[in-house]
Amino acid sequence: MARRFWRTGIAEIMRDYSKRLFLAALRRYVPELRLSDLLPGPSGIRAQAIGADGNLVDDFWYEALPRVLVVRNAPSPAATASLELAREIVDRALAPVSI
């Protein structure tokens, strides 16, 4: 994965160390942002699942085991709080498990 996405990794690191590059990336979504709008805050790391083929898993990845439903990949922090995702998990948890 590192060999395949090395450019993305370098771009991420550059935006981490350059407030101006970070601002430029943000302006793609909110053009009126200014450097003075940016304030320091906590950062976090989000795990990203990788499939056996080496590609990133871009969607939720469920695994049904006897008496357990595992959500292996939750790609969006906002989506994990959605009612639609709650419905999906409940529906899958209540579905009969084939062994």
PDB file of N, CA and C in Angstrom:
ATOM      1  N   MET A   1       0.827  -1.183   0.000  1.00  0.00           N
ATOM      2  CA  MET A   1       0.000   0.000   0.000  1.00  0.00           C
ATOM      3  C   MET A   1       0.876   1.252   0.000  1.00  0.00           C
ATOM      4  N   ALA A   2       1.957   1.246   0.768  1.00  0.00           N
ATOM      5  CA  ALA A   2       2.830   2.420   0.830  1.00  0.00           C
ATOM      6  C   ALA A   2       3.429   2.737  -0.541  1.00  0.00           C
ATOM      7  N   ARG A   3       3.794   1.688  -1.284  1.00  0.00           N
ATOM      8  CA  ARG A   3       4.342   1.912  -2.623  1.00  0.00           C
ATOM      9  C   ARG A   3       3.292   2.489  -3.572  1.00  0.00           C
ATOM     10  N   ARG A   4       2.077   2.040  -3.426  1.00  0.00           N
ATOM     11  CA  ARG A   4       1.013   2.468  -4.327  1.00  0.00           C
ATOM     12  C   ARG A   4       0.565   3.906  -4.036  1.00  0.00           C
ATOM     13  N   PHE A   5       0.519   4.294  -2.756  1.00  0.00           N
ATOM     14  CA  PHE A   5      -0.034   5.597  -2.373  1.00  0.00           C
ATOM     15  C   PHE A   5       1.007   6.536  -1.776  1.00  0.00           C
ATOM     16  N   TRP A   6       2.271   6.415  -2.191  1.00  0.00           N
ATOM     17  CA  TRP A   6       3.317   7.229  -1.589  1.00  0.00           C
ATOM     18  C   TRP A   6       3.095   8.718  -1.832  1.00  0.00           C
ATOM     19  N   ARG A   7       2.557   9.085  -2.989  1.00  0.00           N
ATOM     20  CA  ARG A   7       2.310  10.511  -3.258  1.00  0.00           C
ATOM     21  C   ARG A   7       1.262  11.068  -2.286  1.00  0.00           C
ATOM     22  N   THR A   8       0.216  10.308  -2.054  1.00  0.00           N
ATOM     23  CA  THR A   8      -0.815  10.731  -1.111  1.00  0.00           C
ATOM     24  C   THR A   8      -0.224  10.904   0.284  1.00  0.00           C
ATOM     25  N   GLY A   9       0.632   9.977   0.695  1.00  0.00           N
ATOM     26  CA  GLY A   9       1.265  10.059   2.007  1.00  0.00           C
ATOM     27  C   GLY A   9       2.131  11.291   2.153  1.00  0.00           C
ATOM     28  N   ILE A  10       2.917  11.590   1.130  1.00  0.00           N
ATOM     29  CA  ILE A  10       3.775  12.777   1.177  1.00  0.00           C
ATOM     30  C   ILE A  10       2.925  14.046   1.233  1.00  0.00           C
ATOM     31  N   ALA A  11       1.852  14.090   0.443  1.00  0.00           N
ATOM     32  CA  ALA A  11       0.961  15.263   0.461  1.00  0.00           C
ATOM     33  C   ALA A  11       0.345  15.450   1.845  1.00  0.00           C
ATOM     34  N   GLU A  12      -0.057  14.355   2.489  1.00  0.00           N
ATOM     35  CA  GLU A  12      -0.620  14.441   3.840  1.00  0.00           C
ATOM     36  C   GLU A  12       0.404  15.018   4.824  1.00  0.00           C
ATOM     37  N   ILE A  13       1.619  14.526   4.755  1.00  0.00           N
ATOM     38  CA  ILE A  13       2.675  15.009   5.658  1.00  0.00           C
ATOM     39  C   ILE A  13       2.948  16.488   5.412  1.00  0.00           C
ATOM     40  N   MET A  14       3.000  16.900   4.144  1.00  0.00           N
ATOM     41  CA  MET A  14       3.262  18.305   3.831  1.00  0.00           C
ATOM     42  C   MET A  14       2.161  19.204   4.396  1.00  0.00           C
ATOM     43  N   ARG A  15       0.900  18.781   4.294  1.00  0.00           N
ATOM     44  CA  ARG A  15      -0.209  19.579   4.852  1.00  0.00           C
ATOM     45  C   ARG A  15      -0.170  19.605   6.372  1.00  0.00           C
ATOM     46  N   ASP A  16       0.387  18.551   6.979  1.00  0.00           N
ATOM     47  CA  ASP A  16       0.521  18.541   8.441  1.00  0.00           C
ATOM     48  C   ASP A  16       1.501  19.606   8.924  1.00  0.00           C
ATOM     49  N   TYR A  17       2.534  19.850   8.147  1.00  0.00           N
ATOM     50  CA  TYR A  17       3.589  20.777   8.564  1.00  0.00           C
ATOM     51  C   TYR A  17       3.435  22.178   7.991  1.00  0.00           C
ATOM     52  N   SER A  18       2.585  22.361   7.012  1.00  0.00           N
ATOM     53  CA  SER A  18       2.398  23.680   6.402  1.00  0.00           C
ATOM     54  C   SER A  18       0.947  24.122   6.548  1.00  0.00           C
ATOM     55  N   LYS A  19       0.751  25.153   7.363  1.00  0.00           N
ATOM     56  CA  LYS A  19      -0.589  25.665   7.568  1.00  0.00           C
ATOM     57  C   LYS A  19      -1.161  26.229   6.265  1.00  0.00           C
ATOM     58  N   ARG A  20      -0.305  26.796   5.431  1.00  0.00           N
ATOM     59  CA  ARG A  20      -0.761  27.369   4.154  1.00  0.00           C
ATOM     60  C   ARG A  20      -1.219  26.271   3.175  1.00  0.00           C
ATOM     61  N   LEU A  21      -0.495  25.166   3.126  1.00  0.00           N
ATOM     62  CA  LEU A  21      -0.930  24.057   2.262  1.00  0.00           C
ATOM     63  C   LEU A  21      -2.237  23.451   2.774  1.00  0.00           C
ATOM     64  N   PHE A  22      -2.352  23.343   4.098  1.00  0.00           N
ATOM     65  CA  PHE A  22      -3.587  22.835   4.696  1.00  0.00           C
ATOM     66  C   PHE A  22      -4.753  23.757   4.341  1.00  0.00           C
ATOM     67  N   LEU A  23      -4.537  25.066   4.457  1.00  0.00           N
ATOM     68  CA  LEU A  23      -5.574  26.038   4.113  1.00  0.00           C
ATOM     69  C   LEU A  23      -5.963  25.917   2.641  1.00  0.00           C
ATOM     70  N   ALA A  24      -4.983  25.754   1.772  1.00  0.00           N
ATOM     71  CA  ALA A  24      -5.278  25.614   0.338  1.00  0.00           C
ATOM     72  C   ALA A  24      -6.160  24.395   0.084  1.00  0.00           C
ATOM     73  N   ALA A  25      -5.890  23.299   0.773  1.00  0.00           N
ATOM     74  CA  ALA A  25      -6.721  22.101   0.615  1.00  0.00           C
ATOM     75  C   ALA A  25      -8.136  22.353   1.131  1.00  0.00           C
ATOM     76  N   LEU A  26      -8.264  23.045   2.248  1.00  0.00           N
ATOM     77  CA  LEU A  26      -9.587  23.348   2.801  1.00  0.00           C
ATOM     78  C   LEU A  26     -10.389  24.278   1.904  1.00  0.00           C
ATOM     79  N   ARG A  27      -9.704  25.196   1.246  1.00  0.00           N
ATOM     80  CA  ARG A  27     -10.387  26.168   0.381  1.00  0.00           C
ATOM     81  C   ARG A  27     -11.060  25.519  -0.817  1.00  0.00           C
ATOM     82  N   ARG A  28     -10.706  24.292  -1.135  1.00  0.00           N
ATOM     83  CA  ARG A  28     -11.433  23.579  -2.194  1.00  0.00           C
ATOM     84  C   ARG A  28     -12.893  23.410  -1.799  1.00  0.00           C
ATOM     85  N   TYR A  29     -13.166  23.330  -0.510  1.00  0.00           N
ATOM     86  CA  TYR A  29     -14.522  23.114   0.005  1.00  0.00           C
ATOM     87  C   TYR A  29     -15.158  24.396   0.531  1.00  0.00           C
ATOM     88  N   VAL A  30     -14.334  25.267   1.138  1.00  0.00           N
ATOM     89  CA  VAL A  30     -14.828  26.525   1.711  1.00  0.00           C
ATOM     90  C   VAL A  30     -13.875  27.638   1.258  1.00  0.00           C
ATOM     91  N   PRO A  31     -14.100  28.180   0.063  1.00  0.00           N
ATOM     92  CA  PRO A  31     -13.153  29.140  -0.522  1.00  0.00           C
ATOM     93  C   PRO A  31     -12.899  30.388   0.318  1.00  0.00           C
ATOM     94  N   GLU A  32     -13.853  30.794   1.144  1.00  0.00           N
ATOM     95  CA  GLU A  32     -13.676  32.035   1.894  1.00  0.00           C
ATOM     96  C   GLU A  32     -12.859  31.885   3.186  1.00  0.00           C
ATOM     97  N   LEU A  33     -12.370  30.695   3.477  1.00  0.00           N
ATOM     98  CA  LEU A  33     -11.544  30.508   4.676  1.00  0.00           C
ATOM     99  C   LEU A  33     -10.272  31.338   4.600  1.00  0.00           C
ATOM    100  N   ARG A  34      -9.832  31.833   5.755  1.00  0.00           N
ATOM    101  CA  ARG A  34      -8.596  32.603   5.865  1.00  0.00           C
ATOM    102  C   ARG A  34      -7.685  31.910   6.870  1.00  0.00           C
ATOM    103  N   LEU A  35      -6.405  32.222   6.793  1.00  0.00           N
ATOM    104  CA  LEU A  35      -5.423  31.639   7.711  1.00  0.00           C
ATOM    105  C   LEU A  35      -5.815  31.889   9.164  1.00  0.00           C
ATOM    106  N   SER A  36      -6.387  33.065   9.434  1.00  0.00           N
ATOM    107  CA  SER A  36      -6.790  33.407  10.809  1.00  0.00           C
ATOM    108  C   SER A  36      -7.965  32.560  11.305  1.00  0.00           C
ATOM    109  N   ASP A  37      -8.668  31.888  10.387  1.00  0.00           N
ATOM    110  CA  ASP A  37      -9.784  31.009  10.780  1.00  0.00           C
ATOM    111  C   ASP A  37      -9.299  29.684  11.368  1.00  0.00           C
ATOM    112  N   LEU A  38      -8.058  29.330  11.096  1.00  0.00           N
ATOM    113  CA  LEU A  38      -7.534  28.043  11.540  1.00  0.00           C
ATOM    114  C   LEU A  38      -6.982  28.154  12.961  1.00  0.00           C
ATOM    115  N   LEU A  39      -7.437  27.267  13.812  1.00  0.00           N
ATOM    116  CA  LEU A  39      -6.977  27.224  15.193  1.00  0.00           C
ATOM    117  C   LEU A  39      -6.408  25.842  15.490  1.00  0.00           C
ATOM    118  N   PRO A  40      -5.401  25.784  16.349  1.00  0.00           N
ATOM    119  CA  PRO A  40      -4.867  24.456  16.703  1.00  0.00           C
ATOM    120  C   PRO A  40      -5.909  23.639  17.454  1.00  0.00           C
ATOM    121  N   GLY A  41      -5.846  22.365  17.276  1.00  0.00           N
ATOM    122  CA  GLY A  41      -6.765  21.474  17.960  1.00  0.00           C
ATOM    123  C   GLY A  41      -6.214  20.068  17.969  1.00  0.00           C
ATOM    124  N   PRO A  42      -6.908  19.175  18.645  1.00  0.00           N
ATOM    125  CA  PRO A  42      -6.426  17.790  18.709  1.00  0.00           C
ATOM    126  C   PRO A  42      -6.550  17.114  17.348  1.00  0.00           C
ATOM    127  N   SER A  43      -5.701  16.179  17.108  1.00  0.00           N
ATOM    128  CA  SER A  43      -5.791  15.400  15.881  1.00  0.00           C
ATOM    129  C   SER A  43      -5.952  13.940  16.256  1.00  0.00           C
ATOM    130  N   GLY A  44      -6.360  13.160  15.298  1.00  0.00           N
ATOM    131  CA  GLY A  44      -6.547  11.744  15.563  1.00  0.00           C
ATOM    132  C   GLY A  44      -6.142  10.922  14.358  1.00  0.00           C
ATOM    133  N   ILE A  45      -6.119   9.650  14.559  1.00  0.00           N
ATOM    134  CA  ILE A  45      -5.791   8.724  13.485  1.00  0.00           C
ATOM    135  C   ILE A  45      -6.984   7.804  13.303  1.00  0.00           C
ATOM    136  N   ARG A  46      -7.411   7.657  12.074  1.00  0.00           N
ATOM    137  CA  ARG A  46      -8.529   6.772  11.774  1.00  0.00           C
ATOM    138  C   ARG A  46      -7.974   5.544  11.068  1.00  0.00           C
ATOM    139  N   ALA A  47      -8.312   4.408  11.583  1.00  0.00           N
ATOM    140  CA  ALA A  47      -7.874   3.159  10.950  1.00  0.00           C
ATOM    141  C   ALA A  47      -8.541   3.014   9.594  1.00  0.00           C
ATOM    142  N   GLN A  48      -7.831   2.431   8.663  1.00  0.00           N
ATOM    143  CA  GLN A  48      -8.366   2.194   7.326  1.00  0.00           C
ATOM    144  C   GLN A  48      -8.133   0.735   6.960  1.00  0.00           C
ATOM    145  N   ALA A  49      -9.208   0.021   6.688  1.00  0.00           N
ATOM    146  CA  ALA A  49      -9.087  -1.385   6.314  1.00  0.00           C
ATOM    147  C   ALA A  49      -8.523  -1.512   4.902  1.00  0.00           C
ATOM    148  N   ILE A  50      -7.729  -2.545   4.723  1.00  0.00           N
ATOM    149  CA  ILE A  50      -7.146  -2.860   3.417  1.00  0.00           C
ATOM    150  C   ILE A  50      -7.544  -4.284   3.078  1.00  0.00           C
ATOM    151  N   GLY A  51      -8.078  -4.480   1.880  1.00  0.00           N
ATOM    152  CA  GLY A  51      -8.495  -5.812   1.435  1.00  0.00           C
ATOM    153  C   GLY A  51      -7.309  -6.696   1.117  1.00  0.00           C
ATOM    154  N   ALA A  52      -7.575  -7.963   0.918  1.00  0.00           N
ATOM    155  CA  ALA A  52      -6.519  -8.931   0.597  1.00  0.00           C
ATOM    156  C   ALA A  52      -5.806  -8.579  -0.707  1.00  0.00           C
ATOM    157  N   ASP A  53      -6.494  -7.833  -1.587  1.00  0.00           N
ATOM    158  CA  ASP A  53      -5.889  -7.431  -2.857  1.00  0.00           C
ATOM    159  C   ASP A  53      -5.036  -6.168  -2.749  1.00  0.00           C
ATOM    160  N   GLY A  54      -4.950  -5.602  -1.540  1.00  0.00           N
ATOM    161  CA  GLY A  54      -4.135  -4.406  -1.326  1.00  0.00           C
ATOM    162  C   GLY A  54      -4.872  -3.100  -1.533  1.00  0.00           C
ATOM    163  N   ASN A  55      -6.143  -3.163  -1.919  1.00  0.00           N
ATOM    164  CA  ASN A  55      -6.936  -1.947  -2.109  1.00  0.00           C
ATOM    165  C   ASN A  55      -7.584  -1.513  -0.807  1.00  0.00           C
ATOM    166  N   LEU A  56      -7.767  -0.205  -0.662  1.00  0.00           N
ATOM    167  CA  LEU A  56      -8.459   0.318   0.516  1.00  0.00           C
ATOM    168  C   LEU A  56      -9.920  -0.106   0.478  1.00  0.00           C
ATOM    169  N   VAL A  57     -10.477  -0.450   1.613  1.00  0.00           N
ATOM    170  CA  VAL A  57     -11.895  -0.798   1.723  1.00  0.00           C
ATOM    171  C   VAL A  57     -12.633   0.510   1.981  1.00  0.00           C
ATOM    172  N   ASP A  58     -13.421   0.965   1.011  1.00  0.00           N
ATOM    173  CA  ASP A  58     -14.062   2.274   1.087  1.00  0.00           C
ATOM    174  C   ASP A  58     -15.450   2.252   1.721  1.00  0.00           C
ATOM    175  N   ASP A  59     -15.910   1.095   2.119  1.00  0.00           N
ATOM    176  CA  ASP A  59     -17.270   1.009   2.638  1.00  0.00           C
ATOM    177  C   ASP A  59     -17.259   0.233   3.952  1.00  0.00           C
ATOM    178  N   PHE A  60     -18.418   0.162   4.573  1.00  0.00           N
ATOM    179  CA  PHE A  60     -18.529  -0.629   5.792  1.00  0.00           C
ATOM    180  C   PHE A  60     -18.308  -2.096   5.451  1.00  0.00           C
ATOM    181  N   TRP A  61     -17.659  -2.800   6.334  1.00  0.00           N
ATOM    182  CA  TRP A  61     -17.319  -4.203   6.114  1.00  0.00           C
ATOM    183  C   TRP A  61     -17.827  -4.959   7.328  1.00  0.00           C
ATOM    184  N   TYR A  62     -18.822  -5.787   7.108  1.00  0.00           N
ATOM    185  CA  TYR A  62     -19.473  -6.533   8.185  1.00  0.00           C
ATOM    186  C   TYR A  62     -19.045  -7.999   8.125  1.00  0.00           C
ATOM    187  N   GLU A  63     -19.001  -8.610   9.280  1.00  0.00           N
ATOM    188  CA  GLU A  63     -18.780 -10.050   9.343  1.00  0.00           C
ATOM    189  C   GLU A  63     -19.724 -10.607  10.400  1.00  0.00           C
ATOM    190  N   ALA A  64     -20.573 -11.535   9.984  1.00  0.00           N
ATOM    191  CA  ALA A  64     -21.528 -12.151  10.900  1.00  0.00           C
ATOM    192  C   ALA A  64     -20.947 -13.456  11.413  1.00  0.00           C
ATOM    193  N   LEU A  65     -20.791 -13.531  12.707  1.00  0.00           N
ATOM    194  CA  LEU A  65     -20.332 -14.739  13.382  1.00  0.00           C
ATOM    195  C   LEU A  65     -21.474 -15.225  14.264  1.00  0.00           C
ATOM    196  N   PRO A  66     -21.431 -16.454  14.740  1.00  0.00           N
ATOM    197  CA  PRO A  66     -22.488 -16.891  15.648  1.00  0.00           C
ATOM    198  C   PRO A  66     -22.555 -15.961  16.869  1.00  0.00           C
ATOM    199  N   ARG A  67     -23.702 -15.331  17.060  1.00  0.00           N
ATOM    200  CA  ARG A  67     -23.995 -14.455  18.192  1.00  0.00           C
ATOM    201  C   ARG A  67     -23.220 -13.133  18.193  1.00  0.00           C
ATOM    202  N   VAL A  68     -22.497 -12.829  17.110  1.00  0.00           N
ATOM    203  CA  VAL A  68     -21.715 -11.589  17.055  1.00  0.00           C
ATOM    204  C   VAL A  68     -21.797 -11.005  15.644  1.00  0.00           C
ATOM    205  N   LEU A  69     -22.009  -9.703  15.559  1.00  0.00           N
ATOM    206  CA  LEU A  69     -21.897  -8.988  14.295  1.00  0.00           C
ATOM    207  C   LEU A  69     -20.716  -8.034  14.442  1.00  0.00           C
ATOM    208  N   VAL A  70     -19.733  -8.192  13.578  1.00  0.00           N
ATOM    209  CA  VAL A  70     -18.527  -7.373  13.641  1.00  0.00           C
ATOM    210  C   VAL A  70     -18.565  -6.352  12.508  1.00  0.00           C
ATOM    211  N   VAL A  71     -18.365  -5.081  12.846  1.00  0.00           N
ATOM    212  CA  VAL A  71     -18.209  -4.039  11.832  1.00  0.00           C
ATOM    213  C   VAL A  71     -16.710  -3.804  11.729  1.00  0.00           C
ATOM    214  N   ARG A  72     -16.114  -4.325  10.662  1.00  0.00           N
ATOM    215  CA  ARG A  72     -14.652  -4.307  10.520  1.00  0.00           C
ATOM    216  C   ARG A  72     -14.122  -2.988   9.979  1.00  0.00           C
ATOM    217  N   ASN A  73     -14.915  -2.238   9.272  1.00  0.00           N
ATOM    218  CA  ASN A  73     -14.450  -0.982   8.713  1.00  0.00           C
ATOM    219  C   ASN A  73     -15.570   0.038   8.811  1.00  0.00           C
ATOM    220  N   ALA A  74     -15.279   1.170   9.417  1.00  0.00           N
ATOM    221  CA  ALA A  74     -16.237   2.267   9.508  1.00  0.00           C
ATOM    222  C   ALA A  74     -15.551   3.508   8.936  1.00  0.00           C
ATOM    223  N   PRO A  75     -15.659   3.725   7.611  1.00  0.00           N
ATOM    224  CA  PRO A  75     -14.845   4.733   6.940  1.00  0.00           C
ATOM    225  C   PRO A  75     -15.154   6.183   7.274  1.00  0.00           C
ATOM    226  N   SER A  76     -16.317   6.473   7.793  1.00  0.00           N
ATOM    227  CA  SER A  76     -16.659   7.868   8.059  1.00  0.00           C
ATOM    228  C   SER A  76     -17.096   8.054   9.500  1.00  0.00           C
ATOM    229  N   PRO A  77     -16.385   8.886  10.269  1.00  0.00           N
ATOM    230  CA  PRO A  77     -16.825   9.143  11.644  1.00  0.00           C
ATOM    231  C   PRO A  77     -18.246   9.687  11.706  1.00  0.00           C
ATOM    232  N   ALA A  78     -18.635  10.509  10.742  1.00  0.00           N
ATOM    233  CA  ALA A  78     -19.994  11.050  10.734  1.00  0.00           C
ATOM    234  C   ALA A  78     -21.018   9.955  10.470  1.00  0.00           C
ATOM    235  N   ALA A  79     -20.678   9.031   9.575  1.00  0.00           N
ATOM    236  CA  ALA A  79     -21.616   7.959   9.239  1.00  0.00           C
ATOM    237  C   ALA A  79     -21.843   7.026  10.414  1.00  0.00           C
ATOM    238  N   THR A  80     -20.852   6.873  11.276  1.00  0.00           N
ATOM    239  CA  THR A  80     -21.017   5.950  12.401  1.00  0.00           C
ATOM    240  C   THR A  80     -22.071   6.443  13.384  1.00  0.00           C
ATOM    241  N   ALA A  81     -22.456   7.708  13.278  1.00  0.00           N
ATOM    242  CA  ALA A  81     -23.490   8.244  14.152  1.00  0.00           C
ATOM    243  C   ALA A  81     -24.843   8.352  13.445  1.00  0.00           C
ATOM    244  N   SER A  82     -24.955   7.811  12.233  1.00  0.00           N
ATOM    245  CA  SER A  82     -26.189   7.980  11.469  1.00  0.00           C
ATOM    246  C   SER A  82     -27.242   6.945  11.842  1.00  0.00           C
ATOM    247  N   LEU A  83     -28.491   7.361  11.737  1.00  0.00           N
ATOM    248  CA  LEU A  83     -29.608   6.438  12.007  1.00  0.00           C
ATOM    249  C   LEU A  83     -29.677   5.353  10.946  1.00  0.00           C
ATOM    250  N   GLU A  84     -29.300   5.676   9.714  1.00  0.00           N
ATOM    251  CA  GLU A  84     -29.323   4.671   8.651  1.00  0.00           C
ATOM    252  C   GLU A  84     -28.350   3.535   8.958  1.00  0.00           C
ATOM    253  N   LEU A  85     -27.180   3.870   9.456  1.00  0.00           N
ATOM    254  CA  LEU A  85     -26.215   2.836   9.837  1.00  0.00           C
ATOM    255  C   LEU A  85     -26.759   2.017  11.012  1.00  0.00           C
ATOM    256  N   ALA A  86     -27.401   2.670  11.956  1.00  0.00           N
ATOM    257  CA  ALA A  86     -27.994   1.944  13.087  1.00  0.00           C
ATOM    258  C   ALA A  86     -29.020   0.931  12.597  1.00  0.00           C
ATOM    259  N   ARG A  87     -29.854   1.345  11.633  1.00  0.00           N
ATOM    260  CA  ARG A  87     -30.853   0.422  11.069  1.00  0.00           C
ATOM    261  C   ARG A  87     -30.172  -0.774  10.399  1.00  0.00           C
ATOM    262  N   GLU A  88     -29.119  -0.491   9.634  1.00  0.00           N
ATOM    263  CA  GLU A  88     -28.393  -1.559   8.930  1.00  0.00           C
ATOM    264  C   GLU A  88     -27.805  -2.559   9.916  1.00  0.00           C
ATOM    265  N   ILE A  89     -27.208  -2.070  10.979  1.00  0.00           N
ATOM    266  CA  ILE A  89     -26.601  -2.949  11.975  1.00  0.00           C
ATOM    267  C   ILE A  89     -27.666  -3.771  12.684  1.00  0.00           C
ATOM    268  N   VAL A  90     -28.764  -3.149  13.057  1.00  0.00           N
ATOM    269  CA  VAL A  90     -29.862  -3.875  13.714  1.00  0.00           C
ATOM    270  C   VAL A  90     -30.422  -4.941  12.785  1.00  0.00           C
ATOM    271  N   ASP A  91     -30.667  -4.582  11.519  1.00  0.00           N
ATOM    272  CA  ASP A  91     -31.201  -5.551  10.557  1.00  0.00           C
ATOM    273  C   ASP A  91     -30.260  -6.741  10.402  1.00  0.00           C
ATOM    274  N   ARG A  92     -28.959  -6.455  10.299  1.00  0.00           N
ATOM    275  CA  ARG A  92     -27.989  -7.551  10.150  1.00  0.00           C
ATOM    276  C   ARG A  92     -27.888  -8.384  11.436  1.00  0.00           C
ATOM    277  N   ALA A  93     -27.949  -7.725  12.561  1.00  0.00           N
ATOM    278  CA  ALA A  93     -27.828  -8.444  13.840  1.00  0.00           C
ATOM    279  C   ALA A  93     -29.036  -9.359  14.071  1.00  0.00           C
ATOM    280  N   LEU A  94     -30.202  -8.946  13.599  1.00  0.00           N
ATOM    281  CA  LEU A  94     -31.417  -9.737  13.797  1.00  0.00           C
ATOM    282  C   LEU A  94     -31.627 -10.796  12.707  1.00  0.00           C
ATOM    283  N   ALA A  95     -30.851 -10.720  11.625  1.00  0.00           N
ATOM    284  CA  ALA A  95     -31.001 -11.675  10.534  1.00  0.00           C
ATOM    285  C   ALA A  95     -30.489 -13.054  10.982  1.00  0.00           C
ATOM    286  N   PRO A  96     -31.110 -14.121  10.476  1.00  0.00           N
ATOM    287  CA  PRO A  96     -30.633 -15.461  10.811  1.00  0.00           C
ATOM    288  C   PRO A  96     -29.207 -15.656  10.305  1.00  0.00           C
ATOM    289  N   VAL A  97     -28.410 -16.345  11.096  1.00  0.00           N
ATOM    290  CA  VAL A  97     -27.011 -16.612  10.726  1.00  0.00           C
ATOM    291  C   VAL A  97     -26.940 -18.009  10.150  1.00  0.00           C
ATOM    292  N   SER A  98     -26.332 -18.120   8.960  1.00  0.00           N
ATOM    293  CA  SER A  98     -26.129 -19.456   8.381  1.00  0.00           C
ATOM    294  C   SER A  98     -24.741 -19.957   8.774  1.00  0.00           C
ATOM    295  N   ILE A  99     -24.725 -21.155   9.304  1.00  0.00           N
ATOM    296  CA  ILE A  99     -23.447 -21.746   9.769  1.00  0.00           C
ATOM    297  C   ILE A  99     -23.074 -22.893   8.881  1.00  0.00           C
TER     298      ILE A  99
END
